[in-house]
Protein backbone atom coordinates (compact mmCIF):
# COMPACT_ATOMS: atom_id res chain seq x y z
CA MET A 1 -33.63 26.70 -16.04
CA LEU A 2 -32.25 23.35 -15.07
CA LEU A 3 -30.75 21.12 -17.85
CA PRO A 4 -33.48 18.19 -18.76
CA SER A 5 -31.77 14.93 -18.03
CA GLU A 6 -30.93 14.12 -21.58
CA LEU A 7 -28.66 16.99 -21.99
CA LEU A 8 -27.47 17.56 -18.50
CA THR A 9 -24.02 18.62 -18.42
CA LEU A 10 -23.07 16.12 -16.10
CA SER A 11 -24.51 13.30 -18.08
CA ILE A 12 -20.66 13.07 -19.09
CA ASP A 13 -19.23 10.66 -16.39
CA TRP A 14 -17.14 13.21 -14.67
CA ASN A 15 -15.91 10.53 -12.23
CA THR A 16 -14.12 8.64 -15.39
CA LEU A 17 -12.73 12.10 -15.94
CA VAL A 18 -11.14 12.30 -12.71
CA CYS A 19 -9.10 9.40 -13.74
CA TYR A 20 -7.63 11.48 -16.29
CA ALA A 21 -6.91 14.25 -14.12
CA GLY A 22 -5.00 11.76 -11.95
CA LEU A 23 -3.16 10.46 -14.96
CA ALA A 24 -2.19 13.89 -15.98
CA PHE A 25 -0.31 14.46 -12.71
CA ALA A 26 1.16 10.77 -12.62
CA GLY A 27 2.71 11.74 -16.21
CA THR A 28 5.07 14.08 -14.59
CA ALA A 29 7.47 13.22 -11.89
CA ALA A 30 7.15 14.73 -8.63
CA GLY A 31 10.68 14.48 -7.83
CA ALA A 32 12.74 12.66 -5.48
CA VAL A 33 11.38 12.79 -1.79
CA PHE A 34 14.77 12.22 -0.20
CA ALA A 35 18.05 13.77 -1.39
CA HIS A 36 21.42 12.71 0.53
CA ASP A 37 22.82 15.43 2.34
CA ARG A 38 25.53 17.22 0.14
CA ASN A 39 28.55 19.46 1.08
CA GLU A 40 28.14 23.17 1.06
CA CYS A 41 28.34 24.53 -2.50
CA GLN A 42 31.33 26.40 -2.87
CA PRO A 43 31.11 29.29 -5.40
CA ASP A 44 34.78 29.65 -5.63
CA SER A 45 36.27 26.49 -6.85
CA SER A 46 39.41 27.52 -8.58
CA GLY A 47 41.52 25.72 -6.21
CA GLN A 48 39.29 22.56 -6.39
CA LYS A 49 39.60 22.69 -10.15
CA GLN A 50 43.54 23.00 -9.90
CA ARG A 51 43.68 19.86 -7.56
CA ILE A 52 41.54 17.77 -9.82
CA ALA A 53 43.58 18.68 -12.81
CA GLU A 54 46.84 17.61 -10.92
CA LEU A 55 45.24 14.29 -9.80
CA GLU A 56 44.00 13.46 -13.23
CA LYS A 57 47.37 14.01 -14.85
CA LEU A 58 49.02 11.33 -12.60
CA PRO A 59 50.00 8.18 -14.68
CA ARG A 60 48.87 6.16 -11.48
CA ARG A 61 47.39 7.25 -8.53
CA THR A 62 47.42 5.73 -4.86
CA LEU A 63 44.19 4.57 -3.20
CA GLU A 64 44.39 7.70 -1.02
CA GLN A 65 44.71 9.74 -4.08
CA ASN A 66 41.80 8.19 -6.03
CA GLU A 67 39.71 8.86 -2.96
CA GLU A 68 40.52 12.42 -2.73
CA LEU A 69 39.86 12.85 -6.51
CA ALA A 70 36.41 10.99 -5.99
CA ASP A 71 35.65 13.38 -3.30
CA LEU A 72 36.60 16.47 -5.41
CA TYR A 73 34.25 15.35 -8.27
CA ALA A 74 31.61 14.82 -5.84
CA ASP A 75 31.99 17.99 -4.14
CA SER A 76 32.08 19.93 -7.70
CA ALA A 77 28.79 18.15 -8.34
CA SER A 78 27.21 19.11 -4.96
CA CYS A 79 25.68 22.49 -6.27
CA GLY A 80 23.36 20.34 -8.16
CA CYS A 81 21.83 21.50 -11.78
CA GLY A 82 19.24 24.03 -12.79
CA ASP A 83 19.04 22.88 -16.53
CA ASP A 84 19.53 20.07 -18.88
CA GLU A 85 23.19 21.39 -19.87
CA ASP A 86 24.08 22.00 -16.06
CA CYS A 87 22.83 18.42 -15.43
CA LEU A 88 25.01 16.69 -18.11
CA ASN A 89 28.20 18.48 -16.59
CA VAL A 90 26.94 17.18 -13.00
CA LEU A 91 26.15 13.62 -14.16
CA GLY A 92 29.54 13.64 -15.95
CA LEU A 93 31.16 14.42 -12.62
CA TYR A 94 29.33 11.59 -10.96
CA ASP A 95 30.25 9.28 -13.80
CA LYS A 96 33.92 10.11 -13.22
CA ALA A 97 33.55 9.78 -9.32
CA GLU A 98 32.13 6.46 -9.81
CA ALA A 99 34.94 5.25 -12.06
CA VAL A 100 37.66 6.34 -9.69
CA LEU A 101 35.96 4.81 -6.65
CA LYS A 102 35.60 1.57 -8.37
CA GLU A 103 39.53 1.77 -9.07
CA ALA A 104 40.13 2.67 -5.56
CA LEU A 105 38.01 -0.13 -4.31
CA ALA A 106 40.19 -2.56 -6.71
CA GLN A 107 43.09 -1.35 -4.58
CA GLY A 108 41.63 -1.79 -1.26
CA ASP A 109 37.98 -2.67 -0.39
CA ASP A 110 36.40 -0.79 2.37
CA SER A 111 33.14 0.13 3.87
CA GLU A 112 33.85 3.87 3.54
CA LEU A 113 34.59 3.70 -0.15
CA ARG A 114 31.44 1.51 -0.65
CA ARG A 115 29.25 4.16 1.15
CA LYS A 116 30.80 6.77 -1.20
CA LEU A 117 30.25 4.93 -4.21
CA GLY A 118 26.53 4.26 -2.86
CA ASN A 119 26.19 8.17 -2.32
CA VAL A 120 27.45 8.74 -5.95
CA TYR A 121 24.80 6.46 -7.22
CA LEU A 122 22.11 7.92 -4.86
CA ASN A 123 23.00 11.55 -5.75
CA ARG A 124 22.84 10.52 -9.57
CA ALA A 125 19.59 8.96 -9.20
CA VAL A 126 17.79 12.02 -7.49
CA ILE A 127 19.08 14.25 -10.48
CA LEU A 128 17.38 11.86 -13.01
CA ASN A 129 14.35 11.61 -10.88
CA ASP A 130 14.10 15.30 -10.54
CA PHE A 131 14.39 15.55 -14.43
CA ASP A 132 11.63 13.02 -14.92
CA LYS A 133 14.27 10.34 -16.20
CA LEU A 134 12.76 7.69 -14.06
CA GLY A 135 14.06 4.65 -15.91
CA GLU A 136 17.69 5.60 -15.45
CA ALA A 137 17.00 6.78 -12.00
CA GLU A 138 15.41 3.33 -10.93
CA LYS A 139 18.90 1.93 -12.32
CA PHE A 140 20.93 3.87 -10.20
CA TYR A 141 18.79 3.75 -7.12
CA LEU A 142 18.95 -0.11 -7.45
CA LEU A 143 22.83 0.16 -7.56
CA ALA A 144 22.88 2.22 -4.55
CA VAL A 145 20.67 -0.35 -2.76
CA GLU A 146 22.97 -3.10 -3.82
CA MET A 147 26.04 -1.39 -2.66
CA LEU A 148 24.48 -0.06 0.81
CA SER A 149 22.54 -3.12 1.88
CA PRO A 150 25.62 -5.24 3.01
CA LEU A 151 26.73 -2.00 5.32
CA ASP A 152 23.22 -1.62 6.64
CA ALA A 153 23.46 -5.49 7.69
CA THR A 154 26.79 -4.75 9.74
CA GLY A 155 25.02 -1.92 11.61
CA ASP A 156 26.47 1.17 9.56
CA GLY A 157 23.76 3.56 10.85
CA GLU A 158 24.69 6.28 7.97
CA ALA A 159 24.37 3.48 5.24
CA THR A 160 20.83 2.57 6.78
CA TYR A 161 19.82 6.11 6.72
CA ASP A 162 20.68 6.48 3.07
CA LEU A 163 19.03 3.11 2.21
CA ALA A 164 15.93 4.12 3.77
CA GLY A 165 15.89 7.25 1.72
CA ILE A 166 16.57 5.42 -1.51
CA LYS A 167 13.70 2.91 -0.93
CA LEU A 168 11.48 5.78 -0.18
CA ASN A 169 12.45 7.46 -3.40
CA LEU A 170 12.26 4.14 -5.25
CA GLY A 171 8.77 3.39 -3.70
CA THR A 172 7.40 6.88 -4.79
CA LEU A 173 8.99 6.23 -8.37
CA TYR A 174 7.03 2.93 -8.66
CA ARG A 175 3.89 4.82 -7.47
CA GLU A 176 4.25 7.33 -10.21
CA ARG A 177 4.38 4.29 -12.59
CA SER A 178 1.47 2.66 -10.99
CA GLU A 179 3.61 -0.39 -9.94
CA LEU A 180 1.67 -0.32 -6.73
CA ASP A 181 3.00 -3.74 -5.36
CA LYS A 182 6.35 -2.87 -5.63
CA ALA A 183 5.79 0.62 -4.36
CA ARG A 184 3.91 -0.84 -1.23
CA THR A 185 6.73 -3.29 -0.43
CA LEU A 186 9.64 -0.61 -0.77
CA LEU A 187 7.78 1.79 1.37
CA ASP A 188 7.29 -0.72 4.08
CA GLU A 189 11.00 -1.31 4.14
CA SER A 190 11.85 2.27 4.39
CA PHE A 191 9.57 3.03 7.11
CA LEU A 192 11.07 0.20 8.98
CA LEU A 193 14.68 1.38 8.33
CA TYR A 194 13.67 4.85 9.63
CA ARG A 195 12.35 3.64 12.61
CA LYS A 196 15.40 1.41 13.37
CA ILE A 197 17.56 4.74 12.93
CA GLU A 198 15.14 6.53 15.01
CA LYS A 199 15.39 3.96 17.97
CA ILE A 200 19.18 3.91 18.11
CA GLY A 201 19.19 7.79 18.06
CA LEU A 202 21.43 8.25 15.24
CA PHE A 203 19.29 10.96 13.26
CA ASP A 204 16.00 12.47 13.84
CA THR A 205 14.02 10.73 11.04
CA ARG A 206 10.42 11.66 12.21
CA SER A 207 9.83 13.89 9.21
CA TYR A 208 11.03 11.47 6.78
CA MET A 209 8.67 8.60 8.33
CA ALA A 210 5.88 11.06 7.86
CA LYS A 211 6.77 11.54 4.21
CA THR A 212 7.03 7.62 3.70
CA SER A 213 3.59 7.20 5.76
CA VAL A 214 1.89 9.76 3.10
CA GLN A 215 3.20 7.93 0.33
CA GLN A 216 1.85 4.56 1.85
CA GLY A 217 -1.42 6.11 2.48
CA GLY A 218 -1.41 7.10 -1.28
CA VAL A 219 -0.52 3.83 -2.52
CA LEU A 220 -3.21 1.98 -0.21
CA PHE A 221 -5.66 4.27 -1.59
CA GLU A 222 -4.81 3.71 -5.08
CA MET A 223 -4.77 -0.06 -4.51
CA HIS A 224 -8.49 0.22 -3.21
CA GLU A 225 -7.48 -1.03 0.35
CA PRO A 226 -9.93 -0.54 3.27
CA LEU A 227 -10.26 2.73 4.69
CA ASP A 228 -9.11 2.17 8.18
CA LYS A 229 -5.63 0.97 6.78
CA ILE A 230 -5.36 4.19 4.53
CA THR A 231 -6.50 6.66 7.29
CA ASP A 232 -3.87 4.76 9.75
CA ALA A 233 -1.09 5.71 7.26
CA TYR A 234 -2.19 9.09 7.11
CA ASN A 235 -3.10 9.60 10.78
CA ARG A 236 0.53 8.20 11.78
CA ALA A 237 2.25 10.89 9.42
CA MET A 238 0.18 13.68 11.05
CA ARG A 239 1.01 12.36 14.47
CA LEU A 240 4.64 12.50 13.46
CA LEU A 241 4.59 16.14 11.79
CA VAL A 242 2.86 17.55 14.81
CA GLU A 243 5.40 16.09 17.02
CA VAL A 244 8.37 17.49 15.03
CA ILE A 245 6.39 20.97 14.73
CA GLU A 246 5.67 21.19 18.49
CA ASP A 247 9.49 20.58 19.30
CA GLY A 248 9.72 23.85 17.56
CA GLU A 249 11.60 22.41 14.67
CA GLN A 250 10.74 22.99 10.78
CA ILE A 251 7.87 24.99 11.15
CA GLU A 252 7.53 24.79 7.52
CA LEU A 253 6.34 21.15 7.83
CA GLU A 254 2.92 22.54 8.64
CA ARG A 255 2.37 22.91 4.79
CA ASP A 256 3.03 18.94 4.81
CA LEU A 257 0.71 18.46 7.82
CA ALA A 258 -2.28 20.28 5.70
CA ASN A 259 -1.58 18.30 2.55
CA THR A 260 -1.65 15.10 4.66
CA LEU A 261 -4.96 16.18 6.22
CA LEU A 262 -6.17 16.96 2.72
CA ASP A 263 -5.02 13.60 1.33
CA ARG A 264 -6.90 11.75 4.14
CA CYS A 265 -10.03 14.02 3.27
CA THR A 266 -9.96 12.88 -0.40
CA ALA A 267 -9.75 9.21 0.77
CA VAL A 268 -12.61 9.47 3.41
CA TYR A 269 -14.62 11.64 0.96
CA HIS A 270 -14.33 8.92 -1.86
CA ASP A 271 -15.46 6.29 0.74
CA VAL A 272 -18.45 8.10 1.55
CA LEU A 273 -19.36 8.46 -2.16
CA GLU A 274 -19.18 4.87 -2.44
CA LYS A 275 -21.08 3.87 0.50
CA GLU A 276 -24.75 3.39 0.93
CA PHE A 277 -26.52 5.13 3.90
CA ASP A 278 -29.68 4.70 5.59
CA SER A 279 -30.74 8.22 4.79
CA GLU A 280 -29.46 11.33 3.02
CA THR A 281 -29.07 13.17 6.18
CA GLU A 282 -26.46 10.33 7.36
CA ARG A 283 -24.71 10.82 4.09
CA ASN A 284 -24.61 14.30 4.50
CA ASP A 285 -23.49 14.52 8.14
CA ASN A 286 -20.42 12.34 6.88
CA ILE A 287 -19.60 14.57 3.98
CA GLY A 288 -19.92 17.52 6.34
CA GLY A 289 -17.28 15.99 8.68
CA VAL A 290 -14.75 15.87 5.74
CA LEU A 291 -15.68 19.56 4.88
CA ILE A 292 -14.68 20.63 8.16
CA ASP A 293 -11.24 18.99 7.99
CA VAL A 294 -10.81 20.44 4.48
CA GLY A 295 -11.35 23.82 6.18
CA ARG A 296 -8.79 23.14 8.69
CA GLY A 297 -6.28 22.20 6.00
CA ILE A 298 -7.18 25.53 4.23
CA ASP A 299 -6.56 27.46 7.38
CA ILE A 300 -3.01 25.94 7.91
CA LEU A 301 -2.10 26.68 4.28
CA GLU A 302 -3.21 30.22 4.52
CA LYS A 303 -1.24 30.64 7.63
CA GLN A 304 1.94 28.99 5.79
CA PHE A 305 1.48 31.26 2.67
CA ASN A 306 0.97 34.35 4.54
CA ALA A 307 4.15 33.58 6.48
CA GLY A 308 6.04 33.53 3.27
CA ASN A 309 5.82 29.95 2.25
CA THR A 310 5.17 30.48 -1.58
CA GLU A 311 4.88 26.80 -2.19
CA ALA A 312 1.64 26.59 -0.10
CA ARG A 313 -0.05 28.93 -2.56
CA ALA A 314 -0.81 26.13 -5.13
CA ASP A 315 -1.79 23.75 -2.26
CA LEU A 316 -4.29 26.43 -0.94
CA PHE A 317 -5.80 26.91 -4.52
CA ASN A 318 -6.45 23.10 -5.17
CA ALA A 319 -7.89 22.83 -1.39
CA LEU A 320 -10.33 25.75 -2.13
CA VAL A 321 -11.28 23.94 -5.20
CA MET A 322 -11.68 20.70 -3.40
CA GLN A 323 -13.96 22.74 -0.82
CA ALA A 324 -16.09 23.92 -3.35
CA SER A 325 -16.46 20.65 -4.83
CA ILE A 326 -17.78 19.18 -1.51
CA LEU A 327 -20.12 22.07 -1.06
CA THR A 328 -21.65 21.62 -4.53
CA ASN A 329 -22.31 17.96 -3.44
CA LEU A 330 -24.01 18.85 -0.54
CA GLU A 331 -26.06 21.15 -3.11
CA LYS A 332 -24.60 24.35 -1.29
CA TYR A 333 -24.37 25.94 -4.67
CA ALA A 334 -24.11 29.55 -3.53
CA GLU A 335 -21.48 28.71 -0.88
CA GLY A 336 -19.28 26.96 -3.53
CA ARG A 337 -19.73 29.67 -6.05
CA LYS A 338 -18.48 32.20 -3.54
CA ILE A 339 -15.22 29.97 -2.94
CA LEU A 340 -14.85 29.41 -6.77
CA ASP A 341 -15.17 33.25 -7.25
CA ARG A 342 -12.22 33.55 -4.86
CA ALA A 343 -10.07 30.96 -6.69
CA VAL A 344 -10.27 32.14 -10.21
CA THR A 345 -9.97 35.75 -8.94
CA GLU A 346 -6.81 35.47 -6.82
CA PHE A 347 -5.26 32.66 -8.82
CA ALA A 348 -5.78 34.01 -12.32
CA ASP A 349 -1.98 33.94 -13.07
CA TYR A 350 -2.41 30.19 -13.08
CA ALA A 351 -4.14 30.30 -16.36
CA ALA A 352 -0.65 30.82 -17.98
CA VAL A 353 0.51 27.74 -19.77
CA GLU A 354 4.01 28.02 -18.55
CA ASN A 355 2.79 25.76 -15.59
CA PRO A 356 0.48 23.18 -17.71
CA MET A 357 -0.53 21.26 -14.57
CA LEU A 358 -1.70 24.30 -12.51
CA ALA A 359 -3.50 25.72 -15.65
CA ASN A 360 -5.45 22.59 -16.22
CA GLU A 361 -6.66 22.59 -12.59
CA TYR A 362 -7.36 26.27 -13.01
CA ALA A 363 -9.54 25.43 -15.78
CA GLY A 364 -11.38 22.77 -13.61
CA ALA A 365 -12.17 25.63 -11.37
CA TYR A 366 -14.27 27.45 -13.98
CA GLU A 367 -15.96 24.10 -14.93
CA SER A 368 -16.87 23.81 -11.23
CA ARG A 369 -18.27 27.35 -11.18
CA ALA A 370 -20.39 26.59 -14.35
CA GLU A 371 -21.82 23.84 -12.59
CA CYS A 372 -22.79 26.12 -9.71
CA ALA A 373 -24.28 28.47 -12.14
CA LEU A 374 -26.48 25.78 -13.93
CA ASN A 375 -28.02 24.79 -10.60
CA ALA A 376 -28.79 28.49 -10.26
CA GLY A 377 -30.37 28.60 -13.50
CA ASP A 378 -27.84 31.00 -15.10
CA ASN A 379 -27.00 29.23 -18.39
CA THR A 380 -25.31 32.44 -19.68
CA ALA A 381 -22.81 32.30 -16.81
CA ALA A 382 -22.34 28.63 -17.38
CA ILE A 383 -21.51 29.12 -20.95
CA ALA A 384 -19.15 31.83 -20.05
CA ASP A 385 -17.40 29.69 -17.58
CA PHE A 386 -17.12 26.50 -19.79
CA SER A 387 -15.62 28.76 -22.59
CA GLU A 388 -12.98 30.02 -20.20
CA ALA A 389 -12.06 26.49 -19.47
CA ILE A 390 -11.90 25.55 -23.15
CA ARG A 391 -9.75 28.48 -23.90
CA ILE A 392 -7.09 27.61 -21.48
CA ARG A 393 -7.38 23.58 -22.32
CA GLU A 394 -7.08 24.52 -25.97
CA GLU A 395 -3.65 26.30 -25.32
CA LEU A 396 -2.56 23.48 -23.32
CA VAL A 397 -3.10 20.91 -26.21
CA LYS A 398 -1.52 22.98 -28.62
CA GLY A 399 1.76 21.18 -27.70
CA ASP A 400 4.01 24.15 -27.10
CA CYS A 401 3.96 24.39 -23.47
CA GLY A 402 7.04 22.27 -22.69
CA LEU A 403 5.29 18.58 -22.20
CA ASP A 404 6.01 15.72 -24.13
CA PRO A 405 3.31 14.51 -26.69
CA GLU A 406 2.07 11.66 -24.38
CA ASP A 407 1.69 14.22 -21.42
CA ILE A 408 -0.44 16.79 -23.60
CA GLU A 409 -2.63 13.86 -24.77
CA LEU A 410 -3.72 13.50 -21.00
CA PHE A 411 -5.46 16.94 -21.50
CA VAL A 412 -7.52 16.00 -24.40
CA PRO A 413 -10.19 13.95 -22.60
CA GLN A 414 -10.77 17.11 -20.45
CA LEU A 415 -11.01 19.43 -23.23
CA ALA A 416 -13.39 17.12 -24.94
CA ALA A 417 -15.46 17.14 -21.63
CA SER A 418 -15.52 21.01 -21.56
CA LEU A 419 -16.84 21.01 -25.13
CA THR A 420 -19.62 18.61 -24.39
CA ALA A 421 -20.57 20.59 -21.28
CA ARG A 422 -20.71 23.65 -23.14
CA ALA A 423 -22.60 22.15 -26.14
CA SER A 424 -25.38 20.68 -23.62
CA VAL A 425 -26.15 24.10 -22.25
CA GLN A 426 -26.27 25.33 -25.98
CA GLY A 427 -28.57 22.65 -26.76
CA VAL A 428 -30.99 23.40 -24.11
CA ALA A 429 -30.80 27.30 -24.99
CA GLY A 430 -31.92 26.09 -28.72
CA ASP A 431 -28.81 26.31 -30.38
CA LYS A 432 -28.79 22.71 -31.40
CA GLU A 433 -26.71 23.14 -34.64
CA THR A 434 -23.85 24.74 -32.61
CA ALA A 435 -24.21 22.02 -30.04
CA ARG A 436 -23.85 19.18 -32.48
CA LYS A 437 -20.58 20.71 -34.13
CA GLU A 438 -19.12 20.99 -30.50
CA LEU A 439 -20.23 17.42 -29.65
CA GLN A 440 -18.59 16.35 -32.91
CA ARG A 441 -15.25 18.10 -32.14
CA ALA A 442 -15.26 16.53 -28.72
CA ALA A 443 -15.73 12.94 -30.24
CA ASP A 444 -12.80 13.80 -33.05
CA LEU A 445 -10.67 14.63 -29.97
CA LEU A 446 -11.28 11.40 -28.50
CA ASN A 447 -10.76 9.56 -31.70
CA SER A 448 -7.40 11.21 -32.12
CA LEU A 449 -6.14 9.80 -28.91
CA LYS A 450 -3.67 6.83 -29.02
CA ARG A 451 -5.58 3.85 -27.31
CA SER A 452 -3.84 1.74 -24.89
CA GLU A 453 -4.68 -1.09 -22.41
CA GLU A 454 -4.86 1.63 -19.80
CA ASN A 455 -7.11 4.20 -21.41
CA GLY A 456 -9.02 2.17 -23.95
CA GLU A 457 -12.16 1.24 -21.77
CA LEU A 458 -12.36 4.75 -20.50
CA LEU A 459 -12.46 6.19 -24.09
CA ASP A 460 -14.92 3.84 -25.14
CA GLU A 461 -17.31 4.82 -22.14
CA LEU A 462 -16.77 8.57 -22.97
CA GLN A 463 -17.42 8.11 -26.60
CA THR A 464 -20.66 6.13 -25.85
CA GLN A 465 -21.77 9.01 -23.61
CA LEU A 466 -20.93 11.37 -26.29
CA GLN A 467 -22.90 9.66 -28.86
CA GLU A 468 -25.92 9.41 -26.58
CA ILE A 469 -26.06 13.29 -26.16
CA LEU A 470 -25.51 13.47 -29.98
CA ASP A 471 -28.51 11.41 -30.48
CA GLY A 472 -30.50 13.27 -27.92
CA LEU A 473 -30.17 16.43 -30.01
CA LYS A 474 -31.93 14.93 -32.99
């Protein structure tokens, strides 16, 4: 039996909740896109350490000795870091390299020293970026821009290459912080710099131009720009990736190609849902075109995963959930359910809270499968799936899975939505008392959230909808 309209699970505005899903990912930095090429990491650094100690003991160092010491500090830091303690040591080495290079520049200013100092700022920023210290990363990216821009203006191709990467990372960082105008400007500048390098034949920058184009497409989508501008950026990225792959280089870029195709599908699908069509057939034909491209993306990701690219696995899971969601929109519930059966079975390890973002997405797969069950009249299966989504999300919001409190709060609206969905089904089944308790708990969760200018309107809307459902149970 289908839910009556006043208690329909989807009377909660799930499109609104998608905003929270987006915010959850925005809350954790994706890491730097571009990293300056570092020297080969040397496991045996005893001689290096000894030479550093000798140079540090000198009461006064020549320009050449300062440059050598700075290089040694940078080489020692080139292995990167695996945890907070390692990173403190690495950042300390870059601090020392910065101080010594500034001393060397005071002894004799030249472009090589400035390039090295710019690289120190860049490498430091990348580490801070990767560890989600975006404010500090921004500071050092900007210092690197200040140091390398004059060298780019003189035709220094290596400085131009690094500057293009810095602006790509900065643009990505601003996108994560929803500073979209800044992001757009920097990404445009980055693309032009990469193209400049490509034209003079210094480096093959096609893969980086593709990465920049993907970020541009994402920013344009978030700025609600016309679809043709968004798809132009994604199409350009795919053309560049195909060129590199067909040249026999970086086959692992097929994963990037698949994800770019799926990003474009997201933009087109969103546009289709917003449009008014002359007929349902025309609308469904447009959605069907998106579905075909999603299938192509899934095929590429499966190929990559089967070839040993483990990073493609999470992408494959998300693509399957996307495919099922589109099928559900087309009212092909049995097909959607079949895909979601695969998702929850093959990716059961994603329920572990060690990876909170994946666990949150995995809970969403159960919610989607519950929707399919509802449309098949199987309320028992729907309640079971909503219950599993609730269990996973309750673990996430306990606060012991390594997230900052503000990040954890981003999961709370989705937990409230899961509770509301289950309560709606319980109400239809006649257990109105349990449904009321569930809905009140959902309302309490939303009331517990810290209100801000960004989420206030969304919370008001969700709470209004919850109250309407509560009133319908009286």
